[in-house]
C-alpha atoms as a PDB file:
ATOM      1  CA  MET A   1      -0.461-106.187 -23.443  1.00  0.00           C
ATOM      2  CA  LEU A   2      -3.389-107.768 -21.532  1.00  0.00           C
ATOM      3  CA  ASP A   3      -2.610-111.108 -19.803  1.00  0.00           C
ATOM      4  CA  ARG A   4      -5.581-113.219 -20.850  1.00  0.00           C
ATOM      5  CA  ASP A   5      -5.033-116.081 -18.419  1.00  0.00           C
ATOM      6  CA  ALA A   6      -4.461-113.809 -15.432  1.00  0.00           C
ATOM      7  CA  TYR A   7      -7.625-111.844 -16.220  1.00  0.00           C
ATOM      8  CA  LEU A   8      -9.741-114.984 -16.467  1.00  0.00           C
ATOM      9  CA  MET A   9      -8.250-116.355 -13.291  1.00  0.00           C
ATOM     10  CA  ASP A  10      -9.223-113.220 -11.401  1.00  0.00           C
ATOM     11  CA  ALA A  11     -12.711-113.315 -12.871  1.00  0.00           C
ATOM     12  CA  ASP A  12     -13.074-116.960 -11.934  1.00  0.00           C
ATOM     13  CA  ALA A  13     -11.842-116.396  -8.382  1.00  0.00           C
ATOM     14  CA  ASP A  14     -14.306-113.581  -7.738  1.00  0.00           C
ATOM     15  CA  SER A  15     -17.352-115.303  -9.188  1.00  0.00           C
ATOM     16  CA  GLY A  16     -16.677-118.852  -8.116  1.00  0.00           C
ATOM     17  CA  LYS A  17     -17.617-120.007 -11.592  1.00  0.00           C
ATOM     18  CA  SER A  18     -15.623-121.865 -14.190  1.00  0.00           C
ATOM     19  CA  PHE A  19     -15.528-121.130 -17.943  1.00  0.00           C
ATOM     20  CA  THR A  20     -15.378-123.407 -20.885  1.00  0.00           C
ATOM     21  CA  PRO A  21     -12.624-122.699 -23.431  1.00  0.00           C
ATOM     22  CA  LEU A  22     -15.221-121.253 -25.860  1.00  0.00           C
ATOM     23  CA  GLN A  23     -16.743-118.996 -23.201  1.00  0.00           C
ATOM     24  CA  SER A  24     -13.303-117.767 -22.162  1.00  0.00           C
ATOM     25  CA  ASP A  25     -12.408-116.928 -25.726  1.00  0.00           C
ATOM     26  CA  LEU A  26     -15.646-114.992 -26.350  1.00  0.00           C
ATOM     27  CA  LEU A  27     -15.300-113.144 -23.069  1.00  0.00           C
ATOM     28  CA  PHE A  28     -11.730-112.193 -23.805  1.00  0.00           C
ATOM     29  CA  ARG A  29     -12.627-110.897 -27.285  1.00  0.00           C
ATOM     30  CA  ARG A  30     -15.394-108.718 -25.826  1.00  0.00           C
ATOM     31  CA  ILE A  31     -13.071-107.301 -23.188  1.00  0.00           C
ATOM     32  CA  ASP A  32     -10.308-106.709 -25.738  1.00  0.00           C
ATOM     33  CA  LYS A  33     -12.768-104.852 -28.037  1.00  0.00           C
ATOM     34  CA  ASP A  34     -13.890-102.588 -25.179  1.00  0.00           C
ATOM     35  CA  ILE A  35     -10.294-101.745 -24.348  1.00  0.00           C
ATOM     36  CA  ARG A  36      -9.468-100.921 -27.995  1.00  0.00           C
ATOM     37  CA  ILE A  37     -12.527 -98.631 -28.268  1.00  0.00           C
ATOM     38  CA  LYS A  38     -11.485 -96.777 -25.126  1.00  0.00           C
ATOM     39  CA  ARG A  39      -7.943 -96.413 -26.454  1.00  0.00           C
ATOM     40  CA  LEU A  40      -9.271 -95.073 -29.816  1.00  0.00           C
ATOM     41  CA  ARG A  41     -11.415 -92.492 -28.049  1.00  0.00           C
ATOM     42  CA  THR A  42      -8.440 -91.382 -25.995  1.00  0.00           C
ATOM     43  CA  VAL A  43      -6.221 -91.078 -29.089  1.00  0.00           C
ATOM     44  CA  THR A  44      -8.969 -89.158 -30.966  1.00  0.00           C
ATOM     45  CA  ARG A  45      -9.311 -86.681 -28.101  1.00  0.00           C
ATOM     46  CA  ASN A  46      -5.556 -86.183 -27.979  1.00  0.00           C
ATOM     47  CA  VAL A  47      -5.301 -85.638 -31.746  1.00  0.00           C
ATOM     48  CA  ALA A  48      -8.207 -83.174 -31.673  1.00  0.00           C
ATOM     49  CA  ALA A  49      -6.575 -81.296 -28.806  1.00  0.00           C
ATOM     50  CA  VAL A  50      -3.468 -80.851 -30.962  1.00  0.00           C
ATOM     51  CA  LEU A  51      -5.149 -80.155 -34.322  1.00  0.00           C
ATOM     52  CA  VAL A  52      -7.735 -77.568 -33.201  1.00  0.00           C
ATOM     53  CA  PRO A  53      -5.147 -74.971 -32.078  1.00  0.00           C
ATOM     54  CA  ILE A  54      -3.070 -75.619 -35.219  1.00  0.00           C
ATOM     55  CA  LEU A  55      -6.070 -75.167 -37.539  1.00  0.00           C
ATOM     56  CA  PHE A  56      -7.073 -72.032 -35.647  1.00  0.00           C
ATOM     57  CA  LEU A  57      -3.596 -70.535 -36.033  1.00  0.00           C
ATOM     58  CA  LEU A  58      -3.478 -71.443 -39.732  1.00  0.00           C
ATOM     59  CA  GLY A  59      -6.853 -69.797 -40.303  1.00  0.00           C
ATOM     60  CA  LEU A  60      -5.822 -66.705 -38.366  1.00  0.00           C
ATOM     61  CA  GLY A  61      -2.586 -66.482 -40.325  1.00  0.00           C
ATOM     62  CA  TYR A  62      -4.416 -66.700 -43.646  1.00  0.00           C
ATOM     63  CA  PHE A  63      -6.904 -64.027 -42.564  1.00  0.00           C
ATOM     64  CA  ILE A  64      -4.199 -61.603 -41.499  1.00  0.00           C
ATOM     65  CA  HIS A  65      -2.166 -62.308 -44.636  1.00  0.00           C
ATOM     66  CA  SER A  66      -5.169 -61.611 -46.873  1.00  0.00           C
ATOM     67  CA  GLN A  67      -5.793 -58.258 -45.227  1.00  0.00           C
ATOM     68  CA  THR A  68      -3.644 -55.228 -44.621  1.00  0.00           C
ATOM     69  CA  SER A  69      -1.602 -55.902 -41.528  1.00  0.00           C
ATOM     70  CA  PHE A  70      -2.809 -54.268 -38.346  1.00  0.00           C
ATOM     71  CA  PHE A  71       0.733 -54.125 -37.034  1.00  0.00           C
ATOM     72  CA  GLN A  72       2.700 -52.865 -40.033  1.00  0.00           C
ATOM     73  CA  SER A  73       2.442 -49.760 -42.201  1.00  0.00           C
ATOM     74  CA  THR A  74       0.848 -50.162 -45.637  1.00  0.00           C
ATOM     75  CA  THR A  75       3.291 -50.695 -48.498  1.00  0.00           C
ATOM     76  CA  TYR A  76       2.396 -48.833 -51.705  1.00  0.00           C
ATOM     77  CA  ALA A  77       3.302 -49.490 -55.321  1.00  0.00           C
ATOM     78  CA  GLU A  78       3.336 -46.811 -58.024  1.00  0.00           C
ATOM     79  CA  LEU A  79       2.758 -47.126 -61.747  1.00  0.00           C
ATOM     80  CA  TYR A  80       3.369 -44.427 -64.358  1.00  0.00           C
ATOM     81  CA  ILE A  81       2.110 -44.582 -67.948  1.00  0.00           C
ATOM     82  CA  PRO A  82       4.248 -42.277 -70.137  1.00  0.00           C
ATOM     83  CA  LYS A  83       3.010 -40.028 -72.914  1.00  0.00           C
ATOM     84  CA  GLY A  84       2.160 -41.842 -76.105  1.00  0.00           C
ATOM     85  CA  GLU A  85       1.046 -44.991 -74.270  1.00  0.00           C
ATOM     86  CA  ASP A  86      -1.883 -46.404 -72.298  1.00  0.00           C
ATOM     87  CA  ALA A  87      -2.400 -49.477 -70.133  1.00  0.00           C
ATOM     88  CA  ARG A  88      -4.896 -51.852 -68.574  1.00  0.00           C
ATOM     89  CA  ILE A  89      -4.356 -53.390 -65.137  1.00  0.00           C
ATOM     90  CA  PHE A  90      -6.224 -55.495 -62.575  1.00  0.00           C
ATOM     91  CA  PHE A  91      -6.096 -55.137 -58.803  1.00  0.00           C
ATOM     92  CA  GLN A  92      -6.103 -58.141 -56.454  1.00  0.00           C
ATOM     93  CA  ASP A  93      -9.838 -57.708 -55.758  1.00  0.00           C
ATOM     94  CA  GLY A  94     -10.686 -58.068 -59.475  1.00  0.00           C
ATOM     95  CA  THR A  95     -11.122 -54.341 -60.179  1.00  0.00           C
ATOM     96  CA  GLU A  96     -10.219 -53.455 -63.779  1.00  0.00           C
ATOM     97  CA  VAL A  97      -8.488 -50.134 -64.505  1.00  0.00           C
ATOM     98  CA  PHE A  98      -7.667 -48.465 -67.828  1.00  0.00           C
ATOM     99  CA  LEU A  99      -4.905 -45.858 -67.570  1.00  0.00           C
ATOM    100  CA  ASN A 100      -4.520 -43.050 -70.094  1.00  0.00           C
ATOM    101  CA  ALA A 101      -1.232 -41.535 -71.232  1.00  0.00           C
ATOM    102  CA  ASP A 102       0.841 -39.486 -68.756  1.00  0.00           C
ATOM    103  CA  THR A 103      -1.002 -41.013 -65.789  1.00  0.00           C
ATOM    104  CA  LYS A 104       0.339 -42.004 -62.386  1.00  0.00           C
ATOM    105  CA  ILE A 105      -1.493 -44.281 -59.954  1.00  0.00           C
ATOM    106  CA  ARG A 106      -0.424 -45.265 -56.433  1.00  0.00           C
ATOM    107  CA  TYR A 107      -2.024 -48.235 -54.695  1.00  0.00           C
ATOM    108  CA  PRO A 108      -1.377 -50.565 -51.721  1.00  0.00           C
ATOM    109  CA  GLU A 109       0.130 -53.981 -52.366  1.00  0.00           C
ATOM    110  CA  HIS A 110      -2.775 -55.396 -50.352  1.00  0.00           C
ATOM    111  CA  PHE A 111      -6.112 -53.633 -49.883  1.00  0.00           C
ATOM    112  CA  GLY A 112      -7.204 -52.999 -46.309  1.00  0.00           C
ATOM    113  CA  PHE A 113      -9.864 -54.740 -44.244  1.00  0.00           C
ATOM    114  CA  ARG A 114     -12.246 -51.753 -44.275  1.00  0.00           C
ATOM    115  CA  HIS A 115     -11.586 -50.003 -47.581  1.00  0.00           C
ATOM    116  CA  ARG A 116      -9.749 -50.050 -50.926  1.00  0.00           C
ATOM    117  CA  GLU A 117      -7.904 -46.805 -51.645  1.00  0.00           C
ATOM    118  CA  VAL A 118      -5.854 -45.615 -54.625  1.00  0.00           C
ATOM    119  CA  TYR A 119      -4.314 -42.253 -55.551  1.00  0.00           C
ATOM    120  CA  LEU A 120      -4.584 -40.889 -59.095  1.00  0.00           C
ATOM    121  CA  ASP A 121      -2.832 -38.155 -61.053  1.00  0.00           C
ATOM    122  CA  GLY A 122      -4.079 -38.323 -64.636  1.00  0.00           C
ATOM    123  CA  GLU A 123      -7.004 -40.090 -66.268  1.00  0.00           C
ATOM    124  CA  ALA A 124      -8.342 -43.567 -65.585  1.00  0.00           C
ATOM    125  CA  TYR A 125     -11.451 -45.635 -66.123  1.00  0.00           C
ATOM    126  CA  PHE A 126     -12.423 -47.883 -63.195  1.00  0.00           C
ATOM    127  CA  ASN A 127     -14.591 -50.980 -63.406  1.00  0.00           C
ATOM    128  CA  VAL A 128     -14.800 -51.697 -59.677  1.00  0.00           C
ATOM    129  CA  ALA A 129     -15.406 -55.202 -58.336  1.00  0.00           C
ATOM    130  CA  PRO A 130     -18.396 -55.156 -55.920  1.00  0.00           C
ATOM    131  CA  ASP A 131     -17.593 -55.387 -52.209  1.00  0.00           C
ATOM    132  CA  ARG A 132     -20.219 -53.954 -49.846  1.00  0.00           C
ATOM    133  CA  LYS A 133     -17.915 -54.245 -46.848  1.00  0.00           C
ATOM    134  CA  ARG A 134     -14.986 -52.394 -48.463  1.00  0.00           C
ATOM    135  CA  PRO A 135     -15.716 -49.172 -50.382  1.00  0.00           C
ATOM    136  CA  PHE A 136     -13.379 -48.331 -53.262  1.00  0.00           C
ATOM    137  CA  VAL A 137     -11.964 -44.791 -52.962  1.00  0.00           C
ATOM    138  CA  VAL A 138     -10.075 -42.848 -55.633  1.00  0.00           C
ATOM    139  CA  HIS A 139      -8.141 -39.856 -54.283  1.00  0.00           C
ATOM    140  CA  ALA A 140      -7.266 -37.088 -56.740  1.00  0.00           C
ATOM    141  CA  GLN A 141      -5.553 -34.032 -55.278  1.00  0.00           C
ATOM    142  CA  ASN A 142      -7.968 -32.758 -52.584  1.00  0.00           C
ATOM    143  CA  THR A 143     -10.989 -34.676 -53.899  1.00  0.00           C
ATOM    144  CA  SER A 144     -12.148 -38.282 -53.681  1.00  0.00           C
ATOM    145  CA  VAL A 145     -14.619 -40.610 -55.346  1.00  0.00           C
ATOM    146  CA  GLU A 146     -16.144 -43.399 -53.233  1.00  0.00           C
ATOM    147  CA  VAL A 147     -18.005 -46.405 -54.654  1.00  0.00           C
ATOM    148  CA  LEU A 148     -18.936 -49.965 -53.694  1.00  0.00           C
ATOM    149  CA  GLY A 149     -18.990 -51.471 -57.178  1.00  0.00           C
ATOM    150  CA  THR A 150     -19.466 -49.450 -60.345  1.00  0.00           C
ATOM    151  CA  ALA A 151     -17.882 -48.106 -63.559  1.00  0.00           C
ATOM    152  CA  PHE A 152     -16.697 -44.518 -63.933  1.00  0.00           C
ATOM    153  CA  ASN A 153     -14.100 -42.262 -65.545  1.00  0.00           C
ATOM    154  CA  VAL A 154     -11.870 -39.840 -63.637  1.00  0.00           C
ATOM    155  CA  ASN A 155      -9.950 -37.063 -65.398  1.00  0.00           C
ATOM    156  CA  ALA A 156      -7.644 -35.467 -62.831  1.00  0.00           C
ATOM    157  CA  TYR A 157      -4.371 -34.258 -64.307  1.00  0.00           C
ATOM    158  CA  SER A 158      -2.533 -32.069 -61.804  1.00  0.00           C
ATOM    159  CA  GLU A 159      -1.831 -29.376 -64.426  1.00  0.00           C
ATOM    160  CA  SER A 160      -5.493 -29.165 -65.503  1.00  0.00           C
ATOM    161  CA  GLU A 161      -7.816 -26.526 -64.113  1.00  0.00           C
ATOM    162  CA  THR A 162     -10.629 -28.997 -63.457  1.00  0.00           C
ATOM    163  CA  ILE A 163     -11.288 -32.494 -62.163  1.00  0.00           C
ATOM    164  CA  GLN A 164     -14.029 -34.409 -63.969  1.00  0.00           C
ATOM    165  CA  VAL A 165     -15.851 -37.583 -62.974  1.00  0.00           C
ATOM    166  CA  VAL A 166     -18.345 -39.329 -65.282  1.00  0.00           C
ATOM    167  CA  LEU A 167     -20.454 -42.211 -63.977  1.00  0.00           C
ATOM    168  CA  ASP A 168     -21.415 -44.990 -66.397  1.00  0.00           C
ATOM    169  CA  GLU A 169     -22.937 -47.556 -64.024  1.00  0.00           C
ATOM    170  CA  GLY A 170     -23.911 -47.901 -60.371  1.00  0.00           C
ATOM    171  CA  LYS A 171     -23.753 -45.144 -57.776  1.00  0.00           C
ATOM    172  CA  THR A 172     -20.928 -43.021 -56.488  1.00  0.00           C
ATOM    173  CA  SER A 173     -20.210 -40.065 -54.259  1.00  0.00           C
ATOM    174  CA  PHE A 174     -17.826 -37.239 -55.148  1.00  0.00           C
ATOM    175  CA  GLN A 175     -16.277 -35.469 -52.173  1.00  0.00           C
ATOM    176  CA  VAL A 176     -14.317 -32.242 -52.019  1.00  0.00           C
ATOM    177  CA  GLN A 177     -13.341 -30.802 -48.643  1.00  0.00           C
ATOM    178  CA  GLN A 178     -16.410 -31.383 -46.416  1.00  0.00           C
ATOM    179  CA  SER A 179     -19.021 -31.536 -49.189  1.00  0.00           C
ATOM    180  CA  LYS A 180     -20.371 -34.737 -50.771  1.00  0.00           C
ATOM    181  CA  TYR A 181     -22.171 -34.944 -54.114  1.00  0.00           C
ATOM    182  CA  PRO A 182     -24.044 -38.183 -54.908  1.00  0.00           C
ATOM    183  CA  MET A 183     -24.049 -39.167 -58.587  1.00  0.00           C
ATOM    184  CA  SER A 184     -26.314 -41.302 -60.756  1.00  0.00           C
ATOM    185  CA  PRO A 185     -25.473 -43.028 -64.069  1.00  0.00           C
ATOM    186  CA  GLY A 186     -25.132 -40.586 -66.955  1.00  0.00           C
ATOM    187  CA  GLN A 187     -24.000 -37.689 -64.780  1.00  0.00           C
ATOM    188  CA  GLN A 188     -20.758 -35.730 -64.781  1.00  0.00           C
ATOM    189  CA  ILE A 189     -19.202 -33.818 -61.895  1.00  0.00           C
ATOM    190  CA  GLU A 190     -16.777 -31.023 -62.716  1.00  0.00           C
ATOM    191  CA  TYR A 191     -14.739 -29.386 -59.969  1.00  0.00           C
ATOM    192  CA  ASN A 192     -12.844 -26.179 -60.715  1.00  0.00           C
ATOM    193  CA  LYS A 193      -9.652 -26.198 -58.652  1.00  0.00           C
ATOM    194  CA  THR A 194      -9.185 -22.433 -59.011  1.00  0.00           C
ATOM    195  CA  THR A 195     -12.659 -21.188 -58.085  1.00  0.00           C
ATOM    196  CA  GLY A 196     -13.696 -24.132 -55.903  1.00  0.00           C
ATOM    197  CA  LYS A 197     -16.957 -24.425 -57.840  1.00  0.00           C
ATOM    198  CA  THR A 198     -18.549 -27.843 -58.348  1.00  0.00           C
ATOM    199  CA  SER A 199     -21.014 -28.404 -61.208  1.00  0.00           C
ATOM    200  CA  LEU A 200     -23.229 -31.402 -62.008  1.00  0.00           C
ATOM    201  CA  TYR A 201     -24.320 -32.216 -65.572  1.00  0.00           C
ATOM    202  CA  ASN A 202     -26.521 -34.835 -67.230  1.00  0.00           C
ATOM    203  CA  LEU A 203     -24.891 -36.383 -70.306  1.00  0.00           C
ATOM    204  CA  SER A 204     -26.812 -37.963 -73.174  1.00  0.00           C
ATOM    205  CA  LYS A 205     -23.891 -40.267 -74.026  1.00  0.00           C
ATOM    206  CA  PRO A 206     -21.648 -40.580 -70.960  1.00  0.00           C
ATOM    207  CA  SER A 207     -19.666 -43.459 -72.472  1.00  0.00           C
ATOM    208  CA  ASN A 208     -18.216 -41.072 -75.080  1.00  0.00           C
ATOM    209  CA  VAL A 209     -16.019 -39.544 -72.384  1.00  0.00           C
ATOM    210  CA  SER A 210     -14.085 -42.789 -71.951  1.00  0.00           C
ATOM    211  CA  LEU A 211     -13.709 -43.632 -75.650  1.00  0.00           C
ATOM    212  CA  TRP A 212      -9.986 -42.980 -75.238  1.00  0.00           C
ATOM    213  CA  ARG A 213      -9.613 -46.509 -73.796  1.00  0.00           C
ATOM    214  CA  LYS A 214     -10.722 -47.795 -77.227  1.00  0.00           C
ATOM    215  CA  ASN A 215      -8.141 -45.599 -78.965  1.00  0.00           C
ATOM    216  CA  VAL A 216     -10.816 -43.095 -80.029  1.00  0.00           C
ATOM    217  CA  LEU A 217     -10.391 -39.339 -79.615  1.00  0.00           C
ATOM    218  CA  TYR A 218     -13.563 -37.536 -78.565  1.00  0.00           C
ATOM    219  CA  PHE A 219     -13.957 -33.759 -78.412  1.00  0.00           C
ATOM    220  CA  TYR A 220     -17.238 -31.957 -77.822  1.00  0.00           C
ATOM    221  CA  ASP A 221     -17.085 -28.170 -77.983  1.00  0.00           C
ATOM    222  CA  THR A 222     -13.593 -28.502 -76.537  1.00  0.00           C
ATOM    223  CA  PRO A 223     -11.355 -25.387 -76.493  1.00  0.00           C
ATOM    224  CA  LEU A 224      -8.198 -25.706 -78.576  1.00  0.00           C
ATOM    225  CA  ALA A 225      -6.049 -25.393 -75.449  1.00  0.00           C
ATOM    226  CA  GLU A 226      -7.583 -28.621 -74.074  1.00  0.00           C
ATOM    227  CA  VAL A 227      -7.352 -30.326 -77.458  1.00  0.00           C
ATOM    228  CA  ILE A 228      -3.638 -29.542 -77.528  1.00  0.00           C
ATOM    229  CA  LYS A 229      -3.074 -31.069 -74.065  1.00  0.00           C
ATOM    230  CA  THR A 230      -4.879 -34.255 -75.059  1.00  0.00           C
ATOM    231  CA  VAL A 231      -2.978 -34.635 -78.330  1.00  0.00           C
ATOM    232  CA  GLU A 232       0.364 -33.917 -76.640  1.00  0.00           C
ATOM    233  CA  ARG A 233      -0.225 -36.766 -74.184  1.00  0.00           C
ATOM    234  CA  LYS A 234      -1.484 -39.223 -76.772  1.00  0.00           C
ATOM    235  CA  TYR A 235       1.254 -38.659 -79.350  1.00  0.00           C
ATOM    236  CA  ASN A 236       4.084 -37.447 -77.086  1.00  0.00           C
ATOM    237  CA  VAL A 237       4.672 -34.239 -79.058  1.00  0.00           C
ATOM    238  CA  HIS A 238       5.001 -30.533 -78.197  1.00  0.00           C
ATOM    239  CA  PHE A 239       2.706 -27.804 -79.525  1.00  0.00           C
ATOM    240  CA  HIS A 240       3.901 -24.241 -80.088  1.00  0.00           C
ATOM    241  CA  VAL A 241       1.101 -21.682 -80.444  1.00  0.00           C
ATOM    242  CA  GLN A 242       2.428 -18.929 -82.700  1.00  0.00           C
ATOM    243  CA  SER A 243      -0.961 -17.210 -83.066  1.00  0.00           C
ATOM    244  CA  PRO A 244      -2.649 -16.749 -79.641  1.00  0.00           C
ATOM    245  CA  GLU A 245      -5.996 -15.943 -81.310  1.00  0.00           C
ATOM    246  CA  ALA A 246      -6.138 -19.565 -82.467  1.00  0.00           C
ATOM    247  CA  LEU A 247      -7.005 -20.512 -78.878  1.00  0.00           C
ATOM    248  CA  ASN A 248     -10.418 -18.857 -79.300  1.00  0.00           C
ATOM    249  CA  PHE A 249     -11.683 -21.810 -81.347  1.00  0.00           C
ATOM    250  CA  SER A 250     -13.370 -24.959 -80.034  1.00  0.00           C
ATOM    251  CA  TYR A 251     -13.622 -28.398 -81.617  1.00  0.00           C
ATOM    252  CA  THR A 252     -16.220 -31.166 -81.849  1.00  0.00           C
ATOM    253  CA  LEU A 253     -14.789 -34.366 -83.264  1.00  0.00           C
ATOM    254  CA  THR A 254     -14.867 -38.139 -82.804  1.00  0.00           C
ATOM    255  CA  THR A 255     -12.132 -39.964 -84.665  1.00  0.00           C
ATOM    256  CA  LYS A 256      -9.920 -43.020 -84.567  1.00  0.00           C
ATOM    257  CA  GLN A 257      -6.921 -41.655 -86.398  1.00  0.00           C
ATOM    258  CA  LEU A 258      -3.749 -43.636 -85.829  1.00  0.00           C
ATOM    259  CA  HIS A 259      -1.368 -41.077 -87.336  1.00  0.00           C
ATOM    260  CA  LEU A 260      -0.854 -37.572 -85.991  1.00  0.00           C
ATOM    261  CA  GLU A 261      -0.769 -35.981 -89.443  1.00  0.00           C
ATOM    262  CA  ASP A 262      -4.199 -37.431 -90.253  1.00  0.00           C
ATOM    263  CA  LEU A 263      -5.601 -36.017 -87.010  1.00  0.00           C
ATOM    264  CA  LEU A 264      -4.155 -32.555 -87.685  1.00  0.00           C
ATOM    265  CA  ASN A 265      -5.759 -32.572 -91.134  1.00  0.00           C
ATOM    266  CA  GLU A 266      -9.122 -33.346 -89.509  1.00  0.00           C
ATOM    267  CA  LEU A 267      -8.700 -30.439 -87.085  1.00  0.00           C
ATOM    268  CA  GLN A 268      -7.846 -28.031 -89.905  1.00  0.00           C
ATOM    269  CA  LYS A 269     -11.211 -28.799 -91.540  1.00  0.00           C
ATOM    270  CA  ILE A 270     -13.119 -27.636 -88.450  1.00  0.00           C
ATOM    271  CA  ALA A 271     -11.601 -24.186 -87.823  1.00  0.00           C
ATOM    272  CA  PRO A 272      -9.305 -21.780 -89.736  1.00  0.00           C
ATOM    273  CA  VAL A 273      -6.262 -22.868 -87.744  1.00  0.00           C
ATOM    274  CA  LYS A 274      -3.122 -24.314 -89.329  1.00  0.00           C
ATOM    275  CA  PHE A 275      -0.984 -27.082 -87.836  1.00  0.00           C
ATOM    276  CA  GLN A 276       2.557 -27.657 -89.107  1.00  0.00           C
ATOM    277  CA  TYR A 277       4.157 -30.907 -87.951  1.00  0.00           C
ATOM    278  CA  LYS A 278       7.976 -31.120 -87.756  1.00  0.00           C
ATOM    279  CA  GLY A 279       9.677 -33.915 -85.867  1.00  0.00           C
ATOM    280  CA  ASP A 280       8.235 -33.939 -82.347  1.00  0.00           C
ATOM    281  CA  ASN A 281       6.881 -30.399 -82.642  1.00  0.00           C
ATOM    282  CA  VAL A 282       3.599 -28.967 -83.924  1.00  0.00           C
ATOM    283  CA  PHE A 283       3.348 -25.259 -84.748  1.00  0.00           C
ATOM    284  CA  VAL A 284      -0.074 -23.588 -84.521  1.00  0.00           C
ATOM    285  CA  SER A 285      -0.956 -20.465 -86.498  1.00  0.00           C
ATOM    286  CA  ILE A 286      -3.830 -18.689 -88.219  1.00  0.00           C
END
């Protein structure tokens, strides 16, 4: 603590002047204020010197935690939707995904700093949250779909002969091997895995393709073989084709039938093919 009397005595000795009690008190208060200000500035500098590195480290830690680690391998999660069911999920970036029956999707627990990648085997509808700095990529067998923020349907079951992508909104790019195919809303890409041929179509009602997420079955000039695969997944049943010639027929139908028997009755009205339902089995004949 400052010795007031000693300080004033030194001041008086150097100047040769004397102070009244009032003057001494005012002088001391001014000196004491200056000292306290200097002490406050010193304390502030010391606190800042400690806090700045701490805040920097906290910010760096949050940044690294929010991104895929640069020093550790990416950890993936896998989700499977069994036959007879469907699901709706959200990723951490806000992307909404509808998953059809018998679909498997693999995705990182945390998306990376440069991109957002998922791996699909089955059918899914993606409503991708916009992020210009991190493209969203869907890998399906040896193909991929890359977008920044858009809505599209991918049908890519491993046992199917084709992979189909239908774009509802935004822009996307379909890639197979070294070739890229840009797409616009209302277009469908179909890639034949056997022949390697890629075809682009313009659809009048592209949203019909993803009606399955609203529990609506949609067939447009669809061969019976494909109809059977779709119905097997949706209702978790097995079809047995007893008359091979029945596979020559195609079906156009949009229906929201909740019961399998009602759906089979609808199909029988379209072509001269009979469907007999027993337990978990459906027998097909002419």
